[in-house]
């Protein structure tokens, strides 16, 4: 059968890949095939379709019998909806200073969600019970936003990982203070792949109440989901999702992508590959004199410090971002479609620019 005709034209080189973000990658071919499968005919809108219904069983298989998925458009939307669901109007969320909800969501949790973020500096992007206690106080003080939620990210924004025991300790500590725990899982697959454990091992099994489940960074075209694990922790999720402009009318096209990733092992294959490419990159970078890797490489990102002029020249050859430009810190991300040749070519370019 001949492919359908289109007036659209390819406007990029599909062989060009960089190290700026796993969001730069296209969709995995198996995800694209799933989208085509879900196309055609009519399905009930707004989540009452067969694909969204089937997704619920898949999510329960990963996150336990009480888990319920609410597909949304993107990661910021997932976080804003999830955090609204577990806070009151006067509530606050404790998070790391480096948390995505604090530095990369345009103020959406506070501006759109109407909640206060209470941030804590951390050396590696990870909270601990002791660090949480810096902000976990003043529940009866009407002059202060009330701490109601602890939000952690797995893997963290700095590419580091929590162990299941570390998350368990956070959950126990938060719950003892009457707070709930949200996990930003935009790269949850990379964390599970690196730890070599099922996702449930560091979510429902250790006390996480609600999570933002990532898809886009792991091979989806678009789409994430809020996964409610503790049903008693939330209120009116459907209403919050709609009010937050995250209710897709043609939700089957979000749900079928998550089904393609999660029904078997595509999520894990993609994450393992991205992690392996980051390890290959880190190994090569360590041999380059004058370049320092700043954090343990535990997922699919490498954070390094190198001369500013070298980074600027290198950016003309490969796309990537400064993480802290003033300090000369850059971030290099690998994706499910990063190849060994991509990594080796980047390393060769890095060595050339460092030698100039």
C-alpha atoms as a PDB file:
ATOM      1  CA  UNK A   1       0.000   0.000   0.000  1.00  0.00           C
ATOM      2  CA  UNK A   2       1.411   3.373  -0.975  1.00  0.00           C
ATOM      3  CA  UNK A   3       1.803   5.922   1.838  1.00  0.00           C
ATOM      4  CA  UNK A   4      -0.824   8.675   1.812  1.00  0.00           C
ATOM      5  CA  UNK A   5       0.107  11.823  -0.058  1.00  0.00           C
ATOM      6  CA  UNK A   6       0.726  15.064   1.788  1.00  0.00           C
ATOM      7  CA  UNK A   7       1.508  18.644   0.891  1.00  0.00           C
ATOM      8  CA  UNK A   8       3.922  18.874   3.831  1.00  0.00           C
ATOM      9  CA  UNK A   9       7.642  18.840   3.102  1.00  0.00           C
ATOM     10  CA  UNK A  10      10.536  17.611   5.207  1.00  0.00           C
ATOM     11  CA  UNK A  11      12.317  20.700   6.482  1.00  0.00           C
ATOM     12  CA  UNK A  12      15.131  19.187   8.529  1.00  0.00           C
ATOM     13  CA  UNK A  13      17.926  16.660   8.182  1.00  0.00           C
ATOM     14  CA  UNK A  14      16.775  13.504  10.010  1.00  0.00           C
ATOM     15  CA  UNK A  15      20.387  12.375  10.407  1.00  0.00           C
ATOM     16  CA  UNK A  16      21.327  15.358  12.595  1.00  0.00           C
ATOM     17  CA  UNK A  17      21.224  14.728  16.343  1.00  0.00           C
ATOM     18  CA  UNK A  18      22.658  16.706  19.227  1.00  0.00           C
ATOM     19  CA  UNK A  19      22.981  16.602  22.988  1.00  0.00           C
ATOM     20  CA  UNK A  20      20.732  19.472  24.029  1.00  0.00           C
ATOM     21  CA  UNK A  21      17.696  17.577  25.290  1.00  0.00           C
ATOM     22  CA  UNK A  22      15.909  14.260  25.044  1.00  0.00           C
ATOM     23  CA  UNK A  23      12.941  16.408  23.990  1.00  0.00           C
ATOM     24  CA  UNK A  24      14.736  17.079  20.702  1.00  0.00           C
ATOM     25  CA  UNK A  25      14.355  13.461  19.620  1.00  0.00           C
ATOM     26  CA  UNK A  26      11.510  12.387  17.374  1.00  0.00           C
ATOM     27  CA  UNK A  27       8.974   9.728  18.293  1.00  0.00           C
ATOM     28  CA  UNK A  28       9.969   6.086  18.392  1.00  0.00           C
ATOM     29  CA  UNK A  29       8.779   4.151  15.319  1.00  0.00           C
ATOM     30  CA  UNK A  30       6.721   1.811  17.521  1.00  0.00           C
ATOM     31  CA  UNK A  31       4.946   4.827  18.990  1.00  0.00           C
ATOM     32  CA  UNK A  32       4.247   6.192  15.526  1.00  0.00           C
ATOM     33  CA  UNK A  33       2.859   2.806  14.511  1.00  0.00           C
ATOM     34  CA  UNK A  34       0.576   2.857  17.554  1.00  0.00           C
ATOM     35  CA  UNK A  35      -0.708   6.302  16.622  1.00  0.00           C
ATOM     36  CA  UNK A  36      -1.543   5.081  13.136  1.00  0.00           C
ATOM     37  CA  UNK A  37      -3.305   2.069  14.656  1.00  0.00           C
ATOM     38  CA  UNK A  38      -5.461   4.317  16.834  1.00  0.00           C
ATOM     39  CA  UNK A  39      -6.382   6.560  13.923  1.00  0.00           C
ATOM     40  CA  UNK A  40      -9.496   6.122  11.805  1.00  0.00           C
ATOM     41  CA  UNK A  41     -13.101   5.917  12.781  1.00  0.00           C
ATOM     42  CA  UNK A  42     -14.671   7.636  15.762  1.00  0.00           C
ATOM     43  CA  UNK A  43     -13.913   7.132  19.431  1.00  0.00           C
ATOM     44  CA  UNK A  44     -15.617   8.848  22.334  1.00  0.00           C
ATOM     45  CA  UNK A  45     -13.792  12.075  23.221  1.00  0.00           C
ATOM     46  CA  UNK A  46     -12.344  13.337  26.502  1.00  0.00           C
ATOM     47  CA  UNK A  47     -10.994  10.024  27.788  1.00  0.00           C
ATOM     48  CA  UNK A  48     -13.936   7.668  27.354  1.00  0.00           C
ATOM     49  CA  UNK A  49     -12.205   5.884  24.473  1.00  0.00           C
ATOM     50  CA  UNK A  50     -11.026   2.266  24.395  1.00  0.00           C
ATOM     51  CA  UNK A  51      -7.329   3.186  24.453  1.00  0.00           C
ATOM     52  CA  UNK A  52      -7.566   5.270  27.620  1.00  0.00           C
ATOM     53  CA  UNK A  53      -9.612   2.541  29.258  1.00  0.00           C
ATOM     54  CA  UNK A  54      -6.976  -0.052  28.375  1.00  0.00           C
ATOM     55  CA  UNK A  55      -4.215   2.204  29.658  1.00  0.00           C
ATOM     56  CA  UNK A  56      -5.665   2.003  33.162  1.00  0.00           C
ATOM     57  CA  UNK A  57      -4.934  -1.712  33.402  1.00  0.00           C
ATOM     58  CA  UNK A  58      -1.395  -1.200  32.112  1.00  0.00           C
ATOM     59  CA  UNK A  59      -0.735   1.532  34.674  1.00  0.00           C
ATOM     60  CA  UNK A  60      -2.104  -0.625  37.485  1.00  0.00           C
ATOM     61  CA  UNK A  61       0.333  -3.319  36.417  1.00  0.00           C
ATOM     62  CA  UNK A  62       3.196  -0.907  36.976  1.00  0.00           C
ATOM     63  CA  UNK A  63       1.966   1.068  39.989  1.00  0.00           C
ATOM     64  CA  UNK A  64      -0.468  -1.131  41.894  1.00  0.00           C
ATOM     65  CA  UNK A  65      -4.154  -1.915  42.075  1.00  0.00           C
ATOM     66  CA  UNK A  66      -5.210   1.557  43.233  1.00  0.00           C
ATOM     67  CA  UNK A  67      -3.357   3.460  40.499  1.00  0.00           C
ATOM     68  CA  UNK A  68      -5.338   5.605  38.091  1.00  0.00           C
ATOM     69  CA  UNK A  69      -3.885   7.453  35.086  1.00  0.00           C
ATOM     70  CA  UNK A  70      -4.997  10.877  33.891  1.00  0.00           C
ATOM     71  CA  UNK A  71      -3.322  11.549  30.534  1.00  0.00           C
ATOM     72  CA  UNK A  72      -2.223  15.135  29.919  1.00  0.00           C
ATOM     73  CA  UNK A  73      -0.364  17.049  27.233  1.00  0.00           C
ATOM     74  CA  UNK A  74       3.007  17.771  28.829  1.00  0.00           C
ATOM     75  CA  UNK A  75       5.218  17.584  31.881  1.00  0.00           C
ATOM     76  CA  UNK A  76       4.524  21.018  33.277  1.00  0.00           C
ATOM     77  CA  UNK A  77       0.822  20.323  32.948  1.00  0.00           C
ATOM     78  CA  UNK A  78       1.225  17.010  34.740  1.00  0.00           C
ATOM     79  CA  UNK A  79       3.080  18.633  37.624  1.00  0.00           C
ATOM     80  CA  UNK A  80       0.652  21.537  37.970  1.00  0.00           C
ATOM     81  CA  UNK A  81      -2.379  19.237  37.957  1.00  0.00           C
ATOM     82  CA  UNK A  82      -0.793  16.753  40.348  1.00  0.00           C
ATOM     83  CA  UNK A  83       0.309  19.377  42.862  1.00  0.00           C
ATOM     84  CA  UNK A  84      -3.071  21.112  42.829  1.00  0.00           C
ATOM     85  CA  UNK A  85      -4.695  17.759  43.571  1.00  0.00           C
ATOM     86  CA  UNK A  86      -2.755  17.325  46.811  1.00  0.00           C
ATOM     87  CA  UNK A  87      -2.742  20.889  48.187  1.00  0.00           C
ATOM     88  CA  UNK A  88      -5.292  23.211  49.668  1.00  0.00           C
ATOM     89  CA  UNK A  89      -5.606  26.835  48.573  1.00  0.00           C
ATOM     90  CA  UNK A  90      -3.259  27.787  51.419  1.00  0.00           C
ATOM     91  CA  UNK A  91      -0.852  24.929  50.802  1.00  0.00           C
ATOM     92  CA  UNK A  92       2.830  24.843  49.938  1.00  0.00           C
ATOM     93  CA  UNK A  93       5.165  22.322  48.306  1.00  0.00           C
ATOM     94  CA  UNK A  94       8.664  21.595  49.572  1.00  0.00           C
ATOM     95  CA  UNK A  95      11.113  20.882  46.752  1.00  0.00           C
ATOM     96  CA  UNK A  96      14.787  21.074  45.873  1.00  0.00           C
ATOM     97  CA  UNK A  97      15.974  24.470  44.695  1.00  0.00           C
ATOM     98  CA  UNK A  98      16.985  22.803  41.414  1.00  0.00           C
ATOM     99  CA  UNK A  99      13.566  21.186  40.899  1.00  0.00           C
ATOM    100  CA  UNK A 100      11.988  21.555  37.472  1.00  0.00           C
ATOM    101  CA  UNK A 101       8.836  22.905  39.089  1.00  0.00           C
ATOM    102  CA  UNK A 102      10.936  25.717  40.549  1.00  0.00           C
ATOM    103  CA  UNK A 103      13.314  26.679  37.733  1.00  0.00           C
ATOM    104  CA  UNK A 104      11.887  25.431  34.430  1.00  0.00           C
ATOM    105  CA  UNK A 105       8.116  25.808  34.463  1.00  0.00           C
ATOM    106  CA  UNK A 106       7.771  29.564  34.113  1.00  0.00           C
ATOM    107  CA  UNK A 107       6.244  29.923  37.552  1.00  0.00           C
ATOM    108  CA  UNK A 108       3.288  27.766  36.486  1.00  0.00           C
ATOM    109  CA  UNK A 109       2.870  25.862  39.788  1.00  0.00           C
ATOM    110  CA  UNK A 110       2.592  29.157  41.648  1.00  0.00           C
ATOM    111  CA  UNK A 111       0.909  31.318  39.017  1.00  0.00           C
ATOM    112  CA  UNK A 112      -1.480  28.731  37.558  1.00  0.00           C
ATOM    113  CA  UNK A 113      -1.676  26.267  40.438  1.00  0.00           C
ATOM    114  CA  UNK A 114      -1.959  28.922  43.130  1.00  0.00           C
ATOM    115  CA  UNK A 115       0.441  27.182  45.480  1.00  0.00           C
ATOM    116  CA  UNK A 116       3.682  28.221  47.155  1.00  0.00           C
ATOM    117  CA  UNK A 117       7.016  26.504  46.522  1.00  0.00           C
ATOM    118  CA  UNK A 118       9.317  26.220  49.538  1.00  0.00           C
ATOM    119  CA  UNK A 119      12.754  25.460  48.126  1.00  0.00           C
ATOM    120  CA  UNK A 120      15.795  23.847  49.710  1.00  0.00           C
ATOM    121  CA  UNK A 121      19.367  24.027  48.354  1.00  0.00           C
ATOM    122  CA  UNK A 122      20.842  20.574  47.774  1.00  0.00           C
ATOM    123  CA  UNK A 123      24.315  19.432  46.712  1.00  0.00           C
ATOM    124  CA  UNK A 124      23.049  16.886  44.186  1.00  0.00           C
ATOM    125  CA  UNK A 125      19.407  17.674  43.437  1.00  0.00           C
ATOM    126  CA  UNK A 126      18.166  15.242  46.089  1.00  0.00           C
ATOM    127  CA  UNK A 127      16.111  15.940  49.189  1.00  0.00           C
ATOM    128  CA  UNK A 128      16.589  14.122  52.474  1.00  0.00           C
ATOM    129  CA  UNK A 129      14.432  14.134  55.620  1.00  0.00           C
ATOM    130  CA  UNK A 130      16.933  16.527  57.196  1.00  0.00           C
ATOM    131  CA  UNK A 131      16.792  18.906  54.242  1.00  0.00           C
ATOM    132  CA  UNK A 132      12.995  18.727  54.179  1.00  0.00           C
ATOM    133  CA  UNK A 133      12.929  19.841  57.816  1.00  0.00           C
ATOM    134  CA  UNK A 134      14.412  23.193  56.804  1.00  0.00           C
ATOM    135  CA  UNK A 135      10.992  24.060  55.383  1.00  0.00           C
ATOM    136  CA  UNK A 136       8.700  21.600  57.197  1.00  0.00           C
ATOM    137  CA  UNK A 137       7.437  23.825  59.967  1.00  0.00           C
ATOM    138  CA  UNK A 138       4.800  26.444  60.810  1.00  0.00           C
ATOM    139  CA  UNK A 139       1.661  24.453  60.061  1.00  0.00           C
ATOM    140  CA  UNK A 140      -0.385  26.528  62.508  1.00  0.00           C
ATOM    141  CA  UNK A 141       1.182  29.848  61.530  1.00  0.00           C
ATOM    142  CA  UNK A 142      -1.390  31.703  59.459  1.00  0.00           C
ATOM    143  CA  UNK A 143       1.331  34.067  58.219  1.00  0.00           C
ATOM    144  CA  UNK A 144       3.117  31.250  56.376  1.00  0.00           C
ATOM    145  CA  UNK A 145       2.043  28.992  53.532  1.00  0.00           C
ATOM    146  CA  UNK A 146       1.334  25.564  55.000  1.00  0.00           C
ATOM    147  CA  UNK A 147       3.726  22.762  53.940  1.00  0.00           C
ATOM    148  CA  UNK A 148       1.470  20.013  52.607  1.00  0.00           C
ATOM    149  CA  UNK A 149       3.519  18.218  49.964  1.00  0.00           C
ATOM    150  CA  UNK A 150       7.092  17.107  49.349  1.00  0.00           C
ATOM    151  CA  UNK A 151       7.965  16.934  45.649  1.00  0.00           C
ATOM    152  CA  UNK A 152      10.996  14.968  44.447  1.00  0.00           C
ATOM    153  CA  UNK A 153      12.257  14.239  40.944  1.00  0.00           C
ATOM    154  CA  UNK A 154      13.449  10.799  39.776  1.00  0.00           C
ATOM    155  CA  UNK A 155      15.872  10.933  38.051  1.00  0.00           C
ATOM    156  CA  UNK A 156      16.769  14.393  39.310  1.00  0.00           C
ATOM    157  CA  UNK A 157      17.389  17.482  37.246  1.00  0.00           C
ATOM    158  CA  UNK A 158      21.124  16.920  37.834  1.00  0.00           C
ATOM    159  CA  UNK A 159      21.026  13.358  36.522  1.00  0.00           C
ATOM    160  CA  UNK A 160      21.307  11.757  39.952  1.00  0.00           C
ATOM    161  CA  UNK A 161      19.110   9.033  41.422  1.00  0.00           C
ATOM    162  CA  UNK A 162      17.286   8.298  44.640  1.00  0.00           C
ATOM    163  CA  UNK A 163      17.489   4.721  45.869  1.00  0.00           C
ATOM    164  CA  UNK A 164      14.172   3.107  46.831  1.00  0.00           C
ATOM    165  CA  UNK A 165      15.215   3.274  50.494  1.00  0.00           C
ATOM    166  CA  UNK A 166      15.898   7.006  50.204  1.00  0.00           C
ATOM    167  CA  UNK A 167      12.429   7.612  48.784  1.00  0.00           C
ATOM    168  CA  UNK A 168      10.899   5.400  51.455  1.00  0.00           C
ATOM    169  CA  UNK A 169      12.585   7.492  54.144  1.00  0.00           C
ATOM    170  CA  UNK A 170      11.254  10.687  52.555  1.00  0.00           C
ATOM    171  CA  UNK A 171       7.730   9.280  52.329  1.00  0.00           C
ATOM    172  CA  UNK A 172       7.747   8.078  55.924  1.00  0.00           C
ATOM    173  CA  UNK A 173       9.060  11.430  57.122  1.00  0.00           C
ATOM    174  CA  UNK A 174       6.563  13.422  55.067  1.00  0.00           C
ATOM    175  CA  UNK A 175       3.613  11.271  56.072  1.00  0.00           C
ATOM    176  CA  UNK A 176       4.594  11.525  59.744  1.00  0.00           C
ATOM    177  CA  UNK A 177       4.154  15.289  59.374  1.00  0.00           C
ATOM    178  CA  UNK A 178       0.832  14.931  57.552  1.00  0.00           C
ATOM    179  CA  UNK A 179       2.359  15.775  54.167  1.00  0.00           C
ATOM    180  CA  UNK A 180       1.941  13.916  50.882  1.00  0.00           C
ATOM    181  CA  UNK A 181       4.655  12.977  48.390  1.00  0.00           C
ATOM    182  CA  UNK A 182       4.680  13.821  44.698  1.00  0.00           C
ATOM    183  CA  UNK A 183       7.251  12.346  42.330  1.00  0.00           C
ATOM    184  CA  UNK A 184       8.117  14.166  39.111  1.00  0.00           C
ATOM    185  CA  UNK A 185       8.828  11.225  36.833  1.00  0.00           C
ATOM    186  CA  UNK A 186       9.569  12.913  33.534  1.00  0.00           C
ATOM    187  CA  UNK A 187      12.597  10.576  33.358  1.00  0.00           C
ATOM    188  CA  UNK A 188      11.258   7.834  35.604  1.00  0.00           C
ATOM    189  CA  UNK A 189      12.099   5.220  32.964  1.00  0.00           C
ATOM    190  CA  UNK A 190      15.761   6.212  33.010  1.00  0.00           C
ATOM    191  CA  UNK A 191      15.795   5.875  36.780  1.00  0.00           C
ATOM    192  CA  UNK A 192      14.239   2.410  36.734  1.00  0.00           C
ATOM    193  CA  UNK A 193      16.604   1.286  33.994  1.00  0.00           C
ATOM    194  CA  UNK A 194      19.648   2.506  35.887  1.00  0.00           C
ATOM    195  CA  UNK A 195      18.524   1.027  39.208  1.00  0.00           C
ATOM    196  CA  UNK A 196      17.471  -2.169  37.392  1.00  0.00           C
ATOM    197  CA  UNK A 197      14.195  -2.333  39.291  1.00  0.00           C
ATOM    198  CA  UNK A 198      10.513  -1.983  38.318  1.00  0.00           C
ATOM    199  CA  UNK A 199       9.091   1.519  38.619  1.00  0.00           C
ATOM    200  CA  UNK A 200       6.827   0.338  41.424  1.00  0.00           C
ATOM    201  CA  UNK A 201       9.890  -0.324  43.590  1.00  0.00           C
ATOM    202  CA  UNK A 202      10.429   3.380  44.230  1.00  0.00           C
ATOM    203  CA  UNK A 203       6.848   4.651  43.864  1.00  0.00           C
ATOM    204  CA  UNK A 204       3.823   2.810  45.242  1.00  0.00           C
ATOM    205  CA  UNK A 205       5.948   0.259  47.113  1.00  0.00           C
ATOM    206  CA  UNK A 206       7.597   2.963  49.229  1.00  0.00           C
ATOM    207  CA  UNK A 207       4.713   5.357  49.799  1.00  0.00           C
ATOM    208  CA  UNK A 208       4.591   7.870  46.919  1.00  0.00           C
ATOM    209  CA  UNK A 209       1.063   9.304  46.729  1.00  0.00           C
ATOM    210  CA  UNK A 210       0.988  10.762  43.219  1.00  0.00           C
ATOM    211  CA  UNK A 211       3.397  10.992  40.302  1.00  0.00           C
ATOM    212  CA  UNK A 212       3.885  12.690  36.974  1.00  0.00           C
ATOM    213  CA  UNK A 213       4.624   9.914  34.490  1.00  0.00           C
ATOM    214  CA  UNK A 214       6.850  10.952  31.604  1.00  0.00           C
ATOM    215  CA  UNK A 215       6.468   9.857  28.007  1.00  0.00           C
ATOM    216  CA  UNK A 216       7.841  12.615  25.777  1.00  0.00           C
ATOM    217  CA  UNK A 217      11.474  12.259  26.869  1.00  0.00           C
ATOM    218  CA  UNK A 218      11.307   8.503  26.357  1.00  0.00           C
ATOM    219  CA  UNK A 219      10.054   8.191  22.799  1.00  0.00           C
ATOM    220  CA  UNK A 220       6.541   9.601  22.761  1.00  0.00           C
ATOM    221  CA  UNK A 221       5.482  12.276  20.306  1.00  0.00           C
ATOM    222  CA  UNK A 222       3.789  14.139  23.142  1.00  0.00           C
ATOM    223  CA  UNK A 223       1.902  13.234  26.286  1.00  0.00           C
ATOM    224  CA  UNK A 224       2.414  12.401  29.931  1.00  0.00           C
ATOM    225  CA  UNK A 225       0.063  11.253  32.664  1.00  0.00           C
ATOM    226  CA  UNK A 226      -0.714  12.081  36.248  1.00  0.00           C
ATOM    227  CA  UNK A 227      -0.838   8.762  38.091  1.00  0.00           C
ATOM    228  CA  UNK A 228      -2.787   8.819  41.330  1.00  0.00           C
ATOM    229  CA  UNK A 229      -1.587   6.033  43.627  1.00  0.00           C
ATOM    230  CA  UNK A 230      -3.209   7.079  46.903  1.00  0.00           C
ATOM    231  CA  UNK A 231      -6.812   7.820  46.032  1.00  0.00           C
ATOM    232  CA  UNK A 232      -7.423   9.309  49.482  1.00  0.00           C
ATOM    233  CA  UNK A 233      -4.757  11.954  48.837  1.00  0.00           C
ATOM    234  CA  UNK A 234      -6.523  13.711  45.952  1.00  0.00           C
ATOM    235  CA  UNK A 235      -9.746  15.502  45.134  1.00  0.00           C
ATOM    236  CA  UNK A 236     -11.631  16.028  41.870  1.00  0.00           C
ATOM    237  CA  UNK A 237      -8.837  15.093  39.480  1.00  0.00           C
ATOM    238  CA  UNK A 238     -11.038  15.286  36.390  1.00  0.00           C
ATOM    239  CA  UNK A 239     -12.123  18.798  37.238  1.00  0.00           C
ATOM    240  CA  UNK A 240      -8.566  19.917  37.969  1.00  0.00           C
ATOM    241  CA  UNK A 241      -7.299  18.505  34.694  1.00  0.00           C
ATOM    242  CA  UNK A 242      -9.967  20.334  32.713  1.00  0.00           C
ATOM    243  CA  UNK A 243      -9.559  23.580  34.635  1.00  0.00           C
ATOM    244  CA  UNK A 244      -5.797  23.388  34.049  1.00  0.00           C
ATOM    245  CA  UNK A 245      -6.279  23.106  30.269  1.00  0.00           C
ATOM    246  CA  UNK A 246      -4.838  19.578  30.173  1.00  0.00           C
ATOM    247  CA  UNK A 247      -7.914  17.637  29.037  1.00  0.00           C
ATOM    248  CA  UNK A 248      -7.366  16.327  25.517  1.00  0.00           C
ATOM    249  CA  UNK A 249     -10.497  15.877  23.452  1.00  0.00           C
ATOM    250  CA  UNK A 250      -8.855  13.202  21.277  1.00  0.00           C
ATOM    251  CA  UNK A 251      -7.268  11.540  24.270  1.00  0.00           C
ATOM    252  CA  UNK A 252      -6.838   8.215  22.510  1.00  0.00           C
ATOM    253  CA  UNK A 253      -3.793   9.681  20.770  1.00  0.00           C
ATOM    254  CA  UNK A 254      -2.110  10.389  24.107  1.00  0.00           C
ATOM    255  CA  UNK A 255      -3.138   7.107  25.698  1.00  0.00           C
ATOM    256  CA  UNK A 256      -2.081   4.873  22.835  1.00  0.00           C
ATOM    257  CA  UNK A 257       1.433   6.312  22.972  1.00  0.00           C
ATOM    258  CA  UNK A 258       1.709   5.482  26.656  1.00  0.00           C
ATOM    259  CA  UNK A 259       0.306   2.041  25.902  1.00  0.00           C
ATOM    260  CA  UNK A 260       2.987   1.508  23.256  1.00  0.00           C
ATOM    261  CA  UNK A 261       5.687   2.461  25.731  1.00  0.00           C
ATOM    262  CA  UNK A 262       4.371   0.707  28.835  1.00  0.00           C
ATOM    263  CA  UNK A 263       2.481  -2.384  27.693  1.00  0.00           C
ATOM    264  CA  UNK A 264       5.684  -4.355  27.200  1.00  0.00           C
ATOM    265  CA  UNK A 265       9.267  -3.143  27.444  1.00  0.00           C
ATOM    266  CA  UNK A 266       9.679  -0.299  24.973  1.00  0.00           C
ATOM    267  CA  UNK A 267       9.918   2.197  27.841  1.00  0.00           C
ATOM    268  CA  UNK A 268      12.772   0.173  29.328  1.00  0.00           C
ATOM    269  CA  UNK A 269      14.608  -0.433  26.065  1.00  0.00           C
ATOM    270  CA  UNK A 270      14.546   3.249  25.229  1.00  0.00           C
ATOM    271  CA  UNK A 271      15.721   4.309  28.679  1.00  0.00           C
ATOM    272  CA  UNK A 272      18.483   1.718  28.866  1.00  0.00           C
ATOM    273  CA  UNK A 273      19.848   2.818  25.525  1.00  0.00           C
ATOM    274  CA  UNK A 274      19.841   6.509  26.475  1.00  0.00           C
ATOM    275  CA  UNK A 275      21.580   5.681  29.749  1.00  0.00           C
ATOM    276  CA  UNK A 276      24.183   3.558  27.983  1.00  0.00           C
ATOM    277  CA  UNK A 277      24.964   6.384  25.587  1.00  0.00           C
ATOM    278  CA  UNK A 278      25.411   8.770  28.538  1.00  0.00           C
ATOM    279  CA  UNK A 279      27.842   6.316  30.111  1.00  0.00           C
ATOM    280  CA  UNK A 280      29.765   6.077  26.850  1.00  0.00           C
ATOM    281  CA  UNK A 281      29.883   9.860  26.655  1.00  0.00           C
ATOM    282  CA  UNK A 282      31.018  10.223  30.268  1.00  0.00           C
ATOM    283  CA  UNK A 283      33.736   7.633  29.843  1.00  0.00           C
ATOM    284  CA  UNK A 284      35.105   9.519  26.872  1.00  0.00           C
ATOM    285  CA  UNK A 285      34.842  12.908  28.565  1.00  0.00           C
ATOM    286  CA  UNK A 286      36.848  11.689  31.563  1.00  0.00           C
ATOM    287  CA  UNK A 287      39.831  11.188  29.293  1.00  0.00           C
ATOM    288  CA  UNK A 288      39.793  14.817  28.106  1.00  0.00           C
ATOM    289  CA  UNK A 289      42.136  16.964  30.169  1.00  0.00           C
ATOM    290  CA  UNK A 290      40.515  20.184  31.373  1.00  0.00           C
ATOM    291  CA  UNK A 291      36.935  18.895  31.388  1.00  0.00           C
ATOM    292  CA  UNK A 292      35.360  18.031  34.733  1.00  0.00           C
ATOM    293  CA  UNK A 293      32.218  15.932  35.213  1.00  0.00           C
ATOM    294  CA  UNK A 294      30.368  17.467  38.161  1.00  0.00           C
ATOM    295  CA  UNK A 295      27.807  14.864  39.220  1.00  0.00           C
ATOM    296  CA  UNK A 296      27.558  11.081  39.133  1.00  0.00           C
ATOM    297  CA  UNK A 297      26.270   9.993  35.717  1.00  0.00           C
ATOM    298  CA  UNK A 298      23.361   7.806  36.794  1.00  0.00           C
ATOM    299  CA  UNK A 299      20.779   8.366  34.059  1.00  0.00           C
ATOM    300  CA  UNK A 300      20.966   9.910  30.576  1.00  0.00           C
ATOM    301  CA  UNK A 301      22.610  13.248  31.327  1.00  0.00           C
ATOM    302  CA  UNK A 302      26.207  14.430  31.739  1.00  0.00           C
ATOM    303  CA  UNK A 303      26.966  17.709  33.513  1.00  0.00           C
ATOM    304  CA  UNK A 304      30.424  19.065  32.870  1.00  0.00           C
ATOM    305  CA  UNK A 305      32.561  22.126  33.432  1.00  0.00           C
ATOM    306  CA  UNK A 306      34.886  23.348  30.701  1.00  0.00           C
ATOM    307  CA  UNK A 307      36.229  26.637  29.335  1.00  0.00           C
ATOM    308  CA  UNK A 308      33.473  28.945  28.155  1.00  0.00           C
ATOM    309  CA  UNK A 309      35.065  29.627  24.768  1.00  0.00           C
ATOM    310  CA  UNK A 310      35.366  25.904  24.102  1.00  0.00           C
ATOM    311  CA  UNK A 311      31.665  25.422  24.837  1.00  0.00           C
ATOM    312  CA  UNK A 312      30.717  28.241  22.485  1.00  0.00           C
ATOM    313  CA  UNK A 313      32.781  26.786  19.657  1.00  0.00           C
ATOM    314  CA  UNK A 314      31.456  23.311  20.313  1.00  0.00           C
ATOM    315  CA  UNK A 315      27.878  24.588  20.242  1.00  0.00           C
ATOM    316  CA  UNK A 316      28.412  25.613  16.627  1.00  0.00           C
ATOM    317  CA  UNK A 317      29.006  21.948  15.821  1.00  0.00           C
ATOM    318  CA  UNK A 318      26.569  20.212  18.189  1.00  0.00           C
ATOM    319  CA  UNK A 319      23.506  21.629  19.898  1.00  0.00           C
ATOM    320  CA  UNK A 320      23.578  21.650  23.721  1.00  0.00           C
ATOM    321  CA  UNK A 321      22.834  24.062  26.539  1.00  0.00           C
ATOM    322  CA  UNK A 322      24.708  25.840  29.262  1.00  0.00           C
ATOM    323  CA  UNK A 323      23.396  24.758  32.652  1.00  0.00           C
ATOM    324  CA  UNK A 324      25.164  27.545  34.541  1.00  0.00           C
ATOM    325  CA  UNK A 325      26.849  29.773  31.991  1.00  0.00           C
ATOM    326  CA  UNK A 326      28.577  31.953  34.550  1.00  0.00           C
ATOM    327  CA  UNK A 327      30.287  28.922  36.043  1.00  0.00           C
ATOM    328  CA  UNK A 328      31.016  27.306  32.680  1.00  0.00           C
ATOM    329  CA  UNK A 329      28.726  24.346  33.371  1.00  0.00           C
ATOM    330  CA  UNK A 330      27.013  22.592  30.480  1.00  0.00           C
ATOM    331  CA  UNK A 331      24.504  19.763  30.184  1.00  0.00           C
ATOM    332  CA  UNK A 332      24.739  17.006  27.587  1.00  0.00           C
ATOM    333  CA  UNK A 333      21.660  14.786  27.220  1.00  0.00           C
ATOM    334  CA  UNK A 334      21.357  11.465  25.433  1.00  0.00           C
ATOM    335  CA  UNK A 335      18.163  10.077  23.927  1.00  0.00           C
ATOM    336  CA  UNK A 336      16.662   6.786  22.830  1.00  0.00           C
ATOM    337  CA  UNK A 337      17.924   7.488  19.314  1.00  0.00           C
ATOM    338  CA  UNK A 338      21.448   8.647  20.209  1.00  0.00           C
ATOM    339  CA  UNK A 339      23.974   6.409  18.442  1.00  0.00           C
ATOM    340  CA  UNK A 340      27.490   5.359  19.365  1.00  0.00           C
ATOM    341  CA  UNK A 341      28.637   7.250  16.279  1.00  0.00           C
ATOM    342  CA  UNK A 342      26.945  10.404  17.578  1.00  0.00           C
ATOM    343  CA  UNK A 343      28.780  10.109  20.874  1.00  0.00           C
ATOM    344  CA  UNK A 344      32.139   9.369  19.286  1.00  0.00           C
ATOM    345  CA  UNK A 345      31.802  12.277  16.854  1.00  0.00           C
ATOM    346  CA  UNK A 346      30.960  14.617  19.722  1.00  0.00           C
ATOM    347  CA  UNK A 347      33.943  13.403  21.744  1.00  0.00           C
ATOM    348  CA  UNK A 348      36.235  13.917  18.775  1.00  0.00           C
ATOM    349  CA  UNK A 349      34.927  17.466  18.362  1.00  0.00           C
ATOM    350  CA  UNK A 350      35.345  18.134  22.088  1.00  0.00           C
ATOM    351  CA  UNK A 351      38.971  16.994  21.970  1.00  0.00           C
ATOM    352  CA  UNK A 352      39.640  19.142  18.916  1.00  0.00           C
ATOM    353  CA  UNK A 353      38.183  22.256  20.516  1.00  0.00           C
ATOM    354  CA  UNK A 354      40.003  21.665  23.813  1.00  0.00           C
ATOM    355  CA  UNK A 355      43.275  21.344  21.905  1.00  0.00           C
ATOM    356  CA  UNK A 356      42.880  24.706  20.133  1.00  0.00           C
END
